[in-house]
Amino acid sequence: MIVQIFLPCYYGNQLTVHANQLTNSVFNTSWLEYSAKTRKELIYYMEFLKRPVKVRAGIFFEIGLPIFMTTINNAYTFFALLLHL
């Protein structure tokens, strides 16, 4: 059960991290050697990439490692509560 929750959260987090690094990767290319039109398009693309990428489960919540930790903490809390009753 934990693996079924962890894998989408992990890969959602990886997708977010790599998408956020994409702006730096585009900037670190030799884009100054391109034509003026291509440079302008790359600048527009880098501006577009400034918006954070968020993987969502429908309209409910974002998928990532923070939601995994919250889910595991809540599950343990409910389990401990049931053991205490």
Protein backbone atom coordinates (compact mmCIF):
# COMPACT_ATOMS: atom_id res chain seq x y z
CA MET A 1 0.00 0.00 0.00
CA ILE A 2 2.82 2.40 0.84
CA VAL A 3 4.50 1.73 -2.51
CA GLN A 4 1.26 2.52 -4.33
CA ILE A 5 1.23 5.93 -2.69
CA PHE A 6 4.98 6.54 -2.77
CA LEU A 7 5.69 5.96 -6.47
CA PRO A 8 3.33 8.59 -7.91
CA CYS A 9 4.43 11.05 -5.22
CA TYR A 10 8.11 10.40 -5.91
CA TYR A 11 7.80 10.72 -9.68
CA GLY A 12 5.54 13.76 -9.34
CA ASN A 13 8.23 15.34 -7.17
CA GLN A 14 10.96 14.40 -9.66
CA LEU A 15 8.97 15.92 -12.51
CA THR A 16 8.55 19.15 -10.54
CA VAL A 17 12.26 19.34 -9.66
CA HIS A 18 13.44 18.70 -13.22
CA ALA A 19 10.93 21.14 -14.68
CA ASN A 20 12.21 23.82 -12.31
CA GLN A 21 15.80 23.13 -13.45
CA LEU A 22 14.84 23.46 -17.10
CA THR A 23 15.18 27.26 -17.08
CA ASN A 24 18.80 27.01 -15.95
CA SER A 25 19.50 24.33 -18.53
CA VAL A 26 18.16 26.51 -21.34
CA PHE A 27 20.14 29.49 -20.07
CA ASN A 28 23.38 27.48 -19.83
CA THR A 29 23.28 26.56 -23.52
CA SER A 30 25.18 28.65 -26.04
CA TRP A 31 22.04 30.62 -26.84
CA LEU A 32 23.99 33.82 -27.51
CA GLU A 33 25.33 32.26 -30.71
CA TYR A 34 21.84 31.74 -32.16
CA SER A 35 19.99 34.12 -34.42
CA ALA A 36 18.08 37.03 -32.94
CA LYS A 37 14.74 35.32 -33.59
CA THR A 38 15.81 32.13 -31.83
CA ARG A 39 17.24 34.09 -28.89
CA LYS A 40 13.97 35.95 -28.51
CA GLU A 41 12.02 32.68 -28.58
CA LEU A 42 14.32 31.18 -25.95
CA ILE A 43 13.83 34.22 -23.73
CA TYR A 44 10.05 33.85 -24.07
CA TYR A 45 10.39 30.15 -23.28
CA MET A 46 12.47 30.88 -20.17
CA GLU A 47 9.86 33.40 -19.03
CA PHE A 48 7.16 30.78 -19.58
CA LEU A 49 9.17 28.29 -17.49
CA LYS A 50 9.20 30.63 -14.49
CA ARG A 51 5.71 29.42 -13.61
CA PRO A 52 6.04 26.51 -11.21
CA VAL A 53 5.09 23.08 -12.50
CA LYS A 54 2.65 21.24 -10.25
CA VAL A 55 1.41 17.71 -10.79
CA ARG A 56 -2.12 17.44 -9.47
CA ALA A 57 -4.47 14.56 -8.72
CA GLY A 58 -7.56 15.91 -10.40
CA ILE A 59 -8.57 19.14 -8.68
CA PHE A 60 -7.91 17.80 -5.21
CA PHE A 61 -4.23 18.11 -4.27
CA GLU A 62 -0.70 18.30 -5.62
CA ILE A 63 1.26 15.06 -5.93
CA GLY A 64 4.71 15.15 -4.37
CA LEU A 65 6.78 14.03 -1.44
CA PRO A 66 5.18 16.51 1.02
CA ILE A 67 1.73 14.98 0.40
CA PHE A 68 3.26 11.50 0.85
CA MET A 69 4.70 12.47 4.23
CA THR A 70 1.37 14.00 5.27
CA THR A 71 -0.50 10.86 4.24
CA ILE A 72 1.89 8.57 6.12
CA ASN A 73 1.78 10.76 9.23
CA ASN A 74 -2.03 10.82 9.19
CA ALA A 75 -2.23 7.07 8.67
CA TYR A 76 0.06 6.46 11.63
CA THR A 77 -1.93 8.89 13.77
CA PHE A 78 -5.19 7.09 12.98
CA PHE A 79 -3.55 3.72 13.61
CA ALA A 80 -2.21 4.86 16.98
CA LEU A 81 -5.62 6.24 17.87
CA LEU A 82 -7.29 2.94 17.03
CA LEU A 83 -4.75 1.04 19.12
CA HIS A 84 -5.38 3.36 22.05
CA LEU A 85 -9.16 2.82 22.01
